Amino acid sequence: MSSEIATTIRRRVTRRSRSDVRRQRRTLAVQLLGPLTILGGLVWAIAQPYRIVFLDSDGKGLYDYLAQPPLLVVLVGLAFVFLIAPGLVEDLERDGDGPAR
């Protein structure tokens, strides 16, 4: 057995494990975007409670109840978690099953 072959096999295994780690990190980052967005909206709502009309409803209309920026941020985070992130994660995982570059 040639030592060149053994070294090449070890390099291939190392490359695959590094790409797996990179793919896992990307997947984790995509999965965390939604919850972090939701957390940001909640922190914003707590930091600036005067933006939430439910707490002070003097002369406010329907639009004021529906368009509250911190709550819209939370809704965007929820939409990302349930509608967008699953497809992105699936695509990232499917890319890992393809041929090596």
PDB file of N, CA and C in Angstrom:
ATOM      1  N   MET A   1       0.843  -1.168   0.000  1.00  0.00           N
ATOM      2  CA  MET A   1       0.000   0.000   0.000  1.00  0.00           C
ATOM      3  C   MET A   1       0.890   1.233   0.000  1.00  0.00           C
ATOM      4  N   SER A   2       0.546   2.153  -0.814  1.00  0.00           N
ATOM      5  CA  SER A   2       1.309   3.388  -0.939  1.00  0.00           C
ATOM      6  C   SER A   2       0.856   4.381   0.127  1.00  0.00           C
ATOM      7  N   SER A   3       1.788   5.125   0.644  1.00  0.00           N
ATOM      8  CA  SER A   3       1.435   6.126   1.652  1.00  0.00           C
ATOM      9  C   SER A   3       0.687   7.286   1.019  1.00  0.00           C
ATOM     10  N   GLU A   4       0.868   7.491  -0.271  1.00  0.00           N
ATOM     11  CA  GLU A   4       0.151   8.558  -0.962  1.00  0.00           C
ATOM     12  C   GLU A   4      -1.360   8.293  -0.953  1.00  0.00           C
ATOM     13  N   ILE A   5      -1.741   7.057  -1.147  1.00  0.00           N
ATOM     14  CA  ILE A   5      -3.165   6.709  -1.148  1.00  0.00           C
ATOM     15  C   ILE A   5      -3.759   6.914   0.248  1.00  0.00           C
ATOM     16  N   ALA A   6      -3.059   6.495   1.261  1.00  0.00           N
ATOM     17  CA  ALA A   6      -3.557   6.642   2.630  1.00  0.00           C
ATOM     18  C   ALA A   6      -3.704   8.120   3.005  1.00  0.00           C
ATOM     19  N   THR A   7      -2.760   8.952   2.580  1.00  0.00           N
ATOM     20  CA  THR A   7      -2.842  10.376   2.885  1.00  0.00           C
ATOM     21  C   THR A   7      -4.002  11.017   2.136  1.00  0.00           C
ATOM     22  N   THR A   8      -4.239  10.617   0.913  1.00  0.00           N
ATOM     23  CA  THR A   8      -5.342  11.167   0.134  1.00  0.00           C
ATOM     24  C   THR A   8      -6.676  10.822   0.771  1.00  0.00           C
ATOM     25  N   ILE A   9      -6.817   9.602   1.260  1.00  0.00           N
ATOM     26  CA  ILE A   9      -8.062   9.202   1.913  1.00  0.00           C
ATOM     27  C   ILE A   9      -8.294  10.038   3.166  1.00  0.00           C
ATOM     28  N   ARG A  10      -7.263  10.249   3.938  1.00  0.00           N
ATOM     29  CA  ARG A  10      -7.394  11.049   5.158  1.00  0.00           C
ATOM     30  C   ARG A  10      -7.817  12.479   4.806  1.00  0.00           C
ATOM     31  N   ARG A  11      -7.265  13.050   3.744  1.00  0.00           N
ATOM     32  CA  ARG A  11      -7.635  14.415   3.346  1.00  0.00           C
ATOM     33  C   ARG A  11      -9.092  14.480   2.914  1.00  0.00           C
ATOM     34  N   ARG A  12      -9.560  13.466   2.194  1.00  0.00           N
ATOM     35  CA  ARG A  12     -10.952  13.444   1.762  1.00  0.00           C
ATOM     36  C   ARG A  12     -11.894  13.401   2.958  1.00  0.00           C
ATOM     37  N   VAL A  13     -11.567  12.584   3.934  1.00  0.00           N
ATOM     38  CA  VAL A  13     -12.403  12.488   5.131  1.00  0.00           C
ATOM     39  C   VAL A  13     -12.410  13.814   5.872  1.00  0.00           C
ATOM     40  N   THR A  14     -11.265  14.461   5.979  1.00  0.00           N
ATOM     41  CA  THR A  14     -11.174  15.750   6.655  1.00  0.00           C
ATOM     42  C   THR A  14     -11.992  16.798   5.918  1.00  0.00           C
ATOM     43  N   ARG A  15     -11.923  16.819   4.602  1.00  0.00           N
ATOM     44  CA  ARG A  15     -12.696  17.788   3.826  1.00  0.00           C
ATOM     45  C   ARG A  15     -14.188  17.577   4.018  1.00  0.00           C
ATOM     46  N   ARG A  16     -14.614  16.348   3.992  1.00  0.00           N
ATOM     47  CA  ARG A  16     -16.031  16.083   4.168  1.00  0.00           C
ATOM     48  C   ARG A  16     -16.510  16.512   5.549  1.00  0.00           C
ATOM     49  N   SER A  17     -15.730  16.238   6.546  1.00  0.00           N
ATOM     50  CA  SER A  17     -16.172  16.615   7.885  1.00  0.00           C
ATOM     51  C   SER A  17     -16.192  18.139   8.040  1.00  0.00           C
ATOM     52  N   ARG A  18     -15.254  18.833   7.418  1.00  0.00           N
ATOM     53  CA  ARG A  18     -15.276  20.300   7.484  1.00  0.00           C
ATOM     54  C   ARG A  18     -16.479  20.863   6.749  1.00  0.00           C
ATOM     55  N   SER A  19     -16.795  20.285   5.585  1.00  0.00           N
ATOM     56  CA  SER A  19     -17.957  20.772   4.847  1.00  0.00           C
ATOM     57  C   SER A  19     -19.247  20.438   5.597  1.00  0.00           C
ATOM     58  N   ASP A  20     -19.276  19.294   6.288  1.00  0.00           N
ATOM     59  CA  ASP A  20     -20.447  18.959   7.097  1.00  0.00           C
ATOM     60  C   ASP A  20     -20.630  19.948   8.229  1.00  0.00           C
ATOM     61  N   VAL A  21     -19.545  20.316   8.871  1.00  0.00           N
ATOM     62  CA  VAL A  21     -19.613  21.297   9.961  1.00  0.00           C
ATOM     63  C   VAL A  21     -20.084  22.636   9.419  1.00  0.00           C
ATOM     64  N   ARG A  22     -19.574  23.035   8.270  1.00  0.00           N
ATOM     65  CA  ARG A  22     -19.964  24.306   7.655  1.00  0.00           C
ATOM     66  C   ARG A  22     -21.457  24.278   7.305  1.00  0.00           C
ATOM     67  N   ARG A  23     -21.919  23.168   6.745  1.00  0.00           N
ATOM     68  CA  ARG A  23     -23.325  23.034   6.375  1.00  0.00           C
ATOM     69  C   ARG A  23     -24.204  23.064   7.621  1.00  0.00           C
ATOM     70  N   GLN A  24     -23.765  22.408   8.681  1.00  0.00           N
ATOM     71  CA  GLN A  24     -24.539  22.407   9.922  1.00  0.00           C
ATOM     72  C   GLN A  24     -24.623  23.812  10.510  1.00  0.00           C
ATOM     73  N   ARG A  25     -23.536  24.547  10.418  1.00  0.00           N
ATOM     74  CA  ARG A  25     -23.550  25.935  10.925  1.00  0.00           C
ATOM     75  C   ARG A  25     -24.500  26.801  10.105  1.00  0.00           C
ATOM     76  N   ARG A  26     -24.497  26.617   8.798  1.00  0.00           N
ATOM     77  CA  ARG A  26     -25.415  27.383   7.949  1.00  0.00           C
ATOM     78  C   ARG A  26     -26.855  27.042   8.274  1.00  0.00           C
ATOM     79  N   THR A  27     -27.135  25.774   8.442  1.00  0.00           N
ATOM     80  CA  THR A  27     -28.483  25.335   8.783  1.00  0.00           C
ATOM     81  C   THR A  27     -28.912  25.923  10.120  1.00  0.00           C
ATOM     82  N   LEU A  28     -28.041  25.883  11.092  1.00  0.00           N
ATOM     83  CA  LEU A  28     -28.354  26.452  12.403  1.00  0.00           C
ATOM     84  C   LEU A  28     -28.593  27.954  12.302  1.00  0.00           C
ATOM     85  N   ALA A  29     -27.788  28.646  11.505  1.00  0.00           N
ATOM     86  CA  ALA A  29     -27.963  30.093  11.338  1.00  0.00           C
ATOM     87  C   ALA A  29     -29.320  30.409  10.717  1.00  0.00           C
ATOM     88  N   VAL A  30     -29.724  29.633   9.707  1.00  0.00           N
ATOM     89  CA  VAL A  30     -31.027  29.853   9.079  1.00  0.00           C
ATOM     90  C   VAL A  30     -32.146  29.572  10.072  1.00  0.00           C
ATOM     91  N   GLN A  31     -32.007  28.527  10.864  1.00  0.00           N
ATOM     92  CA  GLN A  31     -33.037  28.184  11.831  1.00  0.00           C
ATOM     93  C   GLN A  31     -33.129  29.206  12.961  1.00  0.00           C
ATOM     94  N   LEU A  32     -32.052  29.891  13.262  1.00  0.00           N
ATOM     95  CA  LEU A  32     -32.068  30.879  14.349  1.00  0.00           C
ATOM     96  C   LEU A  32     -32.553  32.258  13.919  1.00  0.00           C
ATOM     97  N   LEU A  33     -32.600  32.537  12.622  1.00  0.00           N
ATOM     98  CA  LEU A  33     -33.023  33.865  12.171  1.00  0.00           C
ATOM     99  C   LEU A  33     -34.441  34.211  12.635  1.00  0.00           C
ATOM    100  N   GLY A  34     -35.359  33.280  12.513  1.00  0.00           N
ATOM    101  CA  GLY A  34     -36.742  33.539  12.930  1.00  0.00           C
ATOM    102  C   GLY A  34     -36.881  33.796  14.422  1.00  0.00           C
ATOM    103  N   PRO A  35     -36.385  32.874  15.270  1.00  0.00           N
ATOM    104  CA  PRO A  35     -36.501  33.129  16.717  1.00  0.00           C
ATOM    105  C   PRO A  35     -35.774  34.401  17.167  1.00  0.00           C
ATOM    106  N   LEU A  36     -34.651  34.714  16.559  1.00  0.00           N
ATOM    107  CA  LEU A  36     -33.953  35.948  16.927  1.00  0.00           C
ATOM    108  C   LEU A  36     -34.751  37.181  16.510  1.00  0.00           C
ATOM    109  N   THR A  37     -35.431  37.101  15.381  1.00  0.00           N
ATOM    110  CA  THR A  37     -36.290  38.201  14.944  1.00  0.00           C
ATOM    111  C   THR A  37     -37.455  38.378  15.907  1.00  0.00           C
ATOM    112  N   ILE A  38     -38.044  37.268  16.322  1.00  0.00           N
ATOM    113  CA  ILE A  38     -39.143  37.326  17.296  1.00  0.00           C
ATOM    114  C   ILE A  38     -38.650  37.934  18.608  1.00  0.00           C
ATOM    115  N   LEU A  39     -37.496  37.496  19.050  1.00  0.00           N
ATOM    116  CA  LEU A  39     -36.919  38.042  20.280  1.00  0.00           C
ATOM    117  C   LEU A  39     -36.655  39.541  20.143  1.00  0.00           C
ATOM    118  N   GLY A  40     -36.166  39.952  18.988  1.00  0.00           N
ATOM    119  CA  GLY A  40     -35.936  41.382  18.749  1.00  0.00           C
ATOM    120  C   GLY A  40     -37.222  42.187  18.825  1.00  0.00           C
ATOM    121  N   GLY A  41     -38.306  41.656  18.261  1.00  0.00           N
ATOM    122  CA  GLY A  41     -39.597  42.338  18.339  1.00  0.00           C
ATOM    123  C   GLY A  41     -40.107  42.433  19.761  1.00  0.00           C
ATOM    124  N   LEU A  42     -39.920  41.378  20.535  1.00  0.00           N
ATOM    125  CA  LEU A  42     -40.358  41.407  21.937  1.00  0.00           C
ATOM    126  C   LEU A  42     -39.528  42.392  22.766  1.00  0.00           C
ATOM    127  N   VAL A  43     -38.230  42.406  22.530  1.00  0.00           N
ATOM    128  CA  VAL A  43     -37.369  43.357  23.245  1.00  0.00           C
ATOM    129  C   VAL A  43     -37.747  44.789  22.872  1.00  0.00           C
ATOM    130  N   TRP A  44     -38.031  45.004  21.588  1.00  0.00           N
ATOM    131  CA  TRP A  44     -38.442  46.333  21.131  1.00  0.00           C
ATOM    132  C   TRP A  44     -39.750  46.738  21.810  1.00  0.00           C
ATOM    133  N   ALA A  45     -40.704  45.809  21.918  1.00  0.00           N
ATOM    134  CA  ALA A  45     -41.990  46.105  22.556  1.00  0.00           C
ATOM    135  C   ALA A  45     -41.808  46.436  24.037  1.00  0.00           C
ATOM    136  N   ILE A  46     -40.872  45.762  24.677  1.00  0.00           N
ATOM    137  CA  ILE A  46     -40.630  46.027  26.101  1.00  0.00           C
ATOM    138  C   ILE A  46     -39.864  47.336  26.283  1.00  0.00           C
ATOM    139  N   ALA A  47     -38.915  47.591  25.390  1.00  0.00           N
ATOM    140  CA  ALA A  47     -38.094  48.797  25.516  1.00  0.00           C
ATOM    141  C   ALA A  47     -38.887  50.062  25.190  1.00  0.00           C
ATOM    142  N   GLN A  48     -39.847  49.962  24.269  1.00  0.00           N
ATOM    143  CA  GLN A  48     -40.655  51.123  23.892  1.00  0.00           C
ATOM    144  C   GLN A  48     -42.143  50.767  23.986  1.00  0.00           C
ATOM    145  N   PRO A  49     -42.668  50.654  25.193  1.00  0.00           N
ATOM    146  CA  PRO A  49     -44.068  50.225  25.353  1.00  0.00           C
ATOM    147  C   PRO A  49     -45.077  51.232  24.801  1.00  0.00           C
ATOM    148  N   TYR A  50     -44.679  52.488  24.619  1.00  0.00           N
ATOM    149  CA  TYR A  50     -45.604  53.484  24.089  1.00  0.00           C
ATOM    150  C   TYR A  50     -45.944  53.201  22.624  1.00  0.00           C
ATOM    151  N   ARG A  51     -45.185  52.345  21.956  1.00  0.00           N
ATOM    152  CA  ARG A  51     -45.482  51.991  20.563  1.00  0.00           C
ATOM    153  C   ARG A  51     -46.638  50.998  20.469  1.00  0.00           C
ATOM    154  N   ILE A  52     -46.978  50.343  21.545  1.00  0.00           N
ATOM    155  CA  ILE A  52     -48.059  49.362  21.524  1.00  0.00           C
ATOM    156  C   ILE A  52     -49.349  50.063  21.926  1.00  0.00           C
ATOM    157  N   VAL A  53     -50.271  50.156  20.977  1.00  0.00           N
ATOM    158  CA  VAL A  53     -51.499  50.918  21.150  1.00  0.00           C
ATOM    159  C   VAL A  53     -52.435  50.267  22.165  1.00  0.00           C
ATOM    160  N   PHE A  54     -52.343  48.957  22.348  1.00  0.00           N
ATOM    161  CA  PHE A  54     -53.227  48.283  23.286  1.00  0.00           C
ATOM    162  C   PHE A  54     -53.094  48.850  24.693  1.00  0.00           C
ATOM    163  N   LEU A  55     -51.929  49.384  25.011  1.00  0.00           N
ATOM    164  CA  LEU A  55     -51.700  49.897  26.358  1.00  0.00           C
ATOM    165  C   LEU A  55     -52.282  51.297  26.551  1.00  0.00           C
ATOM    166  N   ASP A  56     -52.388  52.065  25.447  1.00  0.00           N
ATOM    167  CA  ASP A  56     -52.920  53.431  25.524  1.00  0.00           C
ATOM    168  C   ASP A  56     -53.764  53.666  24.274  1.00  0.00           C
ATOM    169  N   SER A  57     -55.062  53.478  24.369  1.00  0.00           N
ATOM    170  CA  SER A  57     -55.923  53.488  23.183  1.00  0.00           C
ATOM    171  C   SER A  57     -56.745  54.761  23.010  1.00  0.00           C
ATOM    172  N   ASP A  58     -56.264  55.893  23.458  1.00  0.00           N
ATOM    173  CA  ASP A  58     -57.007  57.149  23.343  1.00  0.00           C
ATOM    174  C   ASP A  58     -57.103  57.592  21.885  1.00  0.00           C
ATOM    175  N   GLY A  59     -58.296  57.504  21.296  1.00  0.00           N
ATOM    176  CA  GLY A  59     -58.550  57.998  19.948  1.00  0.00           C
ATOM    177  C   GLY A  59     -57.835  57.246  18.847  1.00  0.00           C
ATOM    178  N   LYS A  60     -57.528  56.023  19.049  1.00  0.00           N
ATOM    179  CA  LYS A  60     -56.820  55.243  18.034  1.00  0.00           C
ATOM    180  C   LYS A  60     -57.822  54.476  17.180  1.00  0.00           C
ATOM    181  N   GLY A  61     -57.506  54.352  15.885  1.00  0.00           N
ATOM    182  CA  GLY A  61     -58.373  53.626  14.962  1.00  0.00           C
ATOM    183  C   GLY A  61     -57.897  52.202  14.729  1.00  0.00           C
ATOM    184  N   LEU A  62     -58.576  51.514  13.801  1.00  0.00           N
ATOM    185  CA  LEU A  62     -58.255  50.131  13.500  1.00  0.00           C
ATOM    186  C   LEU A  62     -56.832  49.997  12.949  1.00  0.00           C
ATOM    187  N   TYR A  63     -56.433  50.940  12.103  1.00  0.00           N
ATOM    188  CA  TYR A  63     -55.085  50.888  11.526  1.00  0.00           C
ATOM    189  C   TYR A  63     -54.015  50.929  12.623  1.00  0.00           C
ATOM    190  N   ASP A  64     -54.255  51.735  13.625  1.00  0.00           N
ATOM    191  CA  ASP A  64     -53.295  51.837  14.724  1.00  0.00           C
ATOM    192  C   ASP A  64     -53.172  50.535  15.499  1.00  0.00           C
ATOM    193  N   TYR A  65     -54.244  49.773  15.554  1.00  0.00           N
ATOM    194  CA  TYR A  65     -54.189  48.483  16.233  1.00  0.00           C
ATOM    195  C   TYR A  65     -53.489  47.416  15.396  1.00  0.00           C
ATOM    196  N   LEU A  66     -53.658  47.500  14.077  1.00  0.00           N
ATOM    197  CA  LEU A  66     -53.090  46.480  13.198  1.00  0.00           C
ATOM    198  C   LEU A  66     -51.626  46.718  12.857  1.00  0.00           C
ATOM    199  N   ALA A  67     -51.218  47.965  12.762  1.00  0.00           N
ATOM    200  CA  ALA A  67     -49.855  48.282  12.325  1.00  0.00           C
ATOM    201  C   ALA A  67     -49.007  48.766  13.489  1.00  0.00           C
ATOM    202  N   GLN A  68     -48.631  47.841  14.341  1.00  0.00           N
ATOM    203  CA  GLN A  68     -47.759  48.156  15.463  1.00  0.00           C
ATOM    204  C   GLN A  68     -46.398  47.545  15.165  1.00  0.00           C
ATOM    205  N   PRO A  69     -45.383  48.374  14.945  1.00  0.00           N
ATOM    206  CA  PRO A  69     -44.090  47.865  14.478  1.00  0.00           C
ATOM    207  C   PRO A  69     -43.507  46.700  15.273  1.00  0.00           C
ATOM    208  N   PRO A  70     -43.457  46.729  16.595  1.00  0.00           N
ATOM    209  CA  PRO A  70     -42.873  45.574  17.293  1.00  0.00           C
ATOM    210  C   PRO A  70     -43.647  44.278  17.048  1.00  0.00           C
ATOM    211  N   LEU A  71     -44.969  44.381  16.981  1.00  0.00           N
ATOM    212  CA  LEU A  71     -45.761  43.184  16.745  1.00  0.00           C
ATOM    213  C   LEU A  71     -45.625  42.700  15.305  1.00  0.00           C
ATOM    214  N   LEU A  72     -45.441  43.622  14.361  1.00  0.00           N
ATOM    215  CA  LEU A  72     -45.202  43.222  12.980  1.00  0.00           C
ATOM    216  C   LEU A  72     -43.877  42.486  12.851  1.00  0.00           C
ATOM    217  N   VAL A  73     -42.880  42.912  13.606  1.00  0.00           N
ATOM    218  CA  VAL A  73     -41.586  42.217  13.593  1.00  0.00           C
ATOM    219  C   VAL A  73     -41.756  40.791  14.119  1.00  0.00           C
ATOM    220  N   VAL A  74     -42.543  40.631  15.163  1.00  0.00           N
ATOM    221  CA  VAL A  74     -42.804  39.292  15.695  1.00  0.00           C
ATOM    222  C   VAL A  74     -43.527  38.439  14.649  1.00  0.00           C
ATOM    223  N   LEU A  75     -44.488  39.017  13.929  1.00  0.00           N
ATOM    224  CA  LEU A  75     -45.199  38.278  12.894  1.00  0.00           C
ATOM    225  C   LEU A  75     -44.280  37.872  11.742  1.00  0.00           C
ATOM    226  N   VAL A  76     -43.369  38.746  11.376  1.00  0.00           N
ATOM    227  CA  VAL A  76     -42.400  38.409  10.327  1.00  0.00           C
ATOM    228  C   VAL A  76     -41.512  37.259  10.789  1.00  0.00           C
ATOM    229  N   GLY A  77     -41.095  37.285  12.041  1.00  0.00           N
ATOM    230  CA  GLY A  77     -40.293  36.185  12.580  1.00  0.00           C
ATOM    231  C   GLY A  77     -41.046  34.870  12.565  1.00  0.00           C
ATOM    232  N   LEU A  78     -42.321  34.910  12.927  1.00  0.00           N
ATOM    233  CA  LEU A  78     -43.139  33.690  12.897  1.00  0.00           C
ATOM    234  C   LEU A  78     -43.323  33.185  11.466  1.00  0.00           C
ATOM    235  N   ALA A  79     -43.550  34.101  10.539  1.00  0.00           N
ATOM    236  CA  ALA A  79     -43.688  33.697   9.134  1.00  0.00           C
ATOM    237  C   ALA A  79     -42.402  33.063   8.630  1.00  0.00           C
ATOM    238  N   PHE A  80     -41.278  33.609   9.027  1.00  0.00           N
ATOM    239  CA  PHE A  80     -40.003  33.030   8.609  1.00  0.00           C
ATOM    240  C   PHE A  80     -39.825  31.630   9.181  1.00  0.00           C
ATOM    241  N   VAL A  81     -40.147  31.469  10.462  1.00  0.00           N
ATOM    242  CA  VAL A  81     -39.974  30.168  11.118  1.00  0.00           C
ATOM    243  C   VAL A  81     -40.839  29.095  10.463  1.00  0.00           C
ATOM    244  N   PHE A  82     -42.091  29.417  10.168  1.00  0.00           N
ATOM    245  CA  PHE A  82     -43.014  28.388   9.706  1.00  0.00           C
ATOM    246  C   PHE A  82     -43.139  28.281   8.193  1.00  0.00           C
ATOM    247  N   LEU A  83     -42.819  29.345   7.441  1.00  0.00           N
ATOM    248  CA  LEU A  83     -43.021  29.310   5.997  1.00  0.00           C
ATOM    249  C   LEU A  83     -41.732  29.270   5.188  1.00  0.00           C
ATOM    250  N   ILE A  84     -40.724  29.986   5.610  1.00  0.00           N
ATOM    251  CA  ILE A  84     -39.520  30.143   4.787  1.00  0.00           C
ATOM    252  C   ILE A  84     -38.389  29.223   5.236  1.00  0.00           C
ATOM    253  N   ALA A  85     -38.103  29.186   6.512  1.00  0.00           N
ATOM    254  CA  ALA A  85     -36.962  28.426   7.020  1.00  0.00           C
ATOM    255  C   ALA A  85     -37.016  26.928   6.693  1.00  0.00           C
ATOM    256  N   PRO A  86     -38.166  26.253   6.780  1.00  0.00           N
ATOM    257  CA  PRO A  86     -38.154  24.820   6.460  1.00  0.00           C
ATOM    258  C   PRO A  86     -37.665  24.520   5.041  1.00  0.00           C
ATOM    259  N   GLY A  87     -38.067  25.326   4.080  1.00  0.00           N
ATOM    260  CA  GLY A  87     -37.603  25.127   2.708  1.00  0.00           C
ATOM    261  C   GLY A  87     -36.124  25.403   2.553  1.00  0.00           C
ATOM    262  N   LEU A  88     -35.632  26.447   3.208  1.00  0.00           N
ATOM    263  CA  LEU A  88     -34.201  26.755   3.135  1.00  0.00           C
ATOM    264  C   LEU A  88     -33.364  25.650   3.776  1.00  0.00           C
ATOM    265  N   VAL A  89     -33.807  25.154   4.910  1.00  0.00           N
ATOM    266  CA  VAL A  89     -33.079  24.076   5.588  1.00  0.00           C
ATOM    267  C   VAL A  89     -33.082  22.819   4.726  1.00  0.00           C
ATOM    268  N   GLU A  90     -34.220  22.533   4.109  1.00  0.00           N
ATOM    269  CA  GLU A  90     -34.297  21.365   3.227  1.00  0.00           C
ATOM    270  C   GLU A  90     -33.330  21.501   2.056  1.00  0.00           C
ATOM    271  N   ASP A  91     -33.249  22.693   1.467  1.00  0.00           N
ATOM    272  CA  ASP A  91     -32.311  22.917   0.369  1.00  0.00           C
ATOM    273  C   ASP A  91     -30.865  22.786   0.823  1.00  0.00           C
ATOM    274  N   LEU A  92     -30.560  23.301   2.003  1.00  0.00           N
ATOM    275  CA  LEU A  92     -29.193  23.180   2.517  1.00  0.00           C
ATOM    276  C   LEU A  92     -28.821  21.725   2.765  1.00  0.00           C
ATOM    277  N   GLU A  93     -29.744  20.961   3.295  1.00  0.00           N
ATOM    278  CA  GLU A  93     -29.468  19.546   3.551  1.00  0.00           C
ATOM    279  C   GLU A  93     -29.372  18.754   2.258  1.00  0.00           C
ATOM    280  N   ARG A  94     -30.173  19.109   1.261  1.00  0.00           N
ATOM    281  CA  ARG A  94     -30.129  18.421  -0.019  1.00  0.00           C
ATOM    282  C   ARG A  94     -28.815  18.712  -0.755  1.00  0.00           C
ATOM    283  N   ASP A  95     -28.288  19.909  -0.623  1.00  0.00           N
ATOM    284  CA  ASP A  95     -27.007  20.255  -1.251  1.00  0.00           C
ATOM    285  C   ASP A  95     -25.878  19.390  -0.697  1.00  0.00           C
ATOM    286  N   GLY A  96     -25.994  18.979   0.549  1.00  0.00           N
ATOM    287  CA  GLY A  96     -24.963  18.135   1.156  1.00  0.00           C
ATOM    288  C   GLY A  96     -24.965  16.726   0.620  1.00  0.00           C
ATOM    289  N   ASP A  97     -26.069  16.286   0.026  1.00  0.00           N
ATOM    290  CA  ASP A  97     -26.135  14.921  -0.505  1.00  0.00           C
ATOM    291  C   ASP A  97     -25.608  14.828  -1.924  1.00  0.00           C
ATOM    292  N   GLY A  98     -25.309  15.946  -2.540  1.00  0.00           N
ATOM    293  CA  GLY A  98     -24.847  15.952  -3.928  1.00  0.00           C
ATOM    294  C   GLY A  98     -23.404  15.534  -4.053  1.00  0.00           C
ATOM    295  N   PRO A  99     -22.870  15.547  -5.278  1.00  0.00           N
ATOM    296  CA  PRO A  99     -21.478  15.148  -5.498  1.00  0.00           C
ATOM    297  C   PRO A  99     -20.493  16.138  -4.898  1.00  0.00           C
ATOM    298  N   ALA A 100     -19.319  15.640  -4.542  1.00  0.00           N
ATOM    299  CA  ALA A 100     -18.285  16.504  -3.960  1.00  0.00           C
ATOM    300  C   ALA A 100     -17.744  17.433  -5.034  1.00  0.00           C
ATOM    301  N   ARG A 101     -17.320  18.604  -4.637  1.00  0.00           N
ATOM    302  CA  ARG A 101     -16.810  19.596  -5.597  1.00  0.00           C
ATOM    303  C   ARG A 101     -15.388  19.353  -5.947  1.00  0.00           C
TER     304      ARG A 101
END
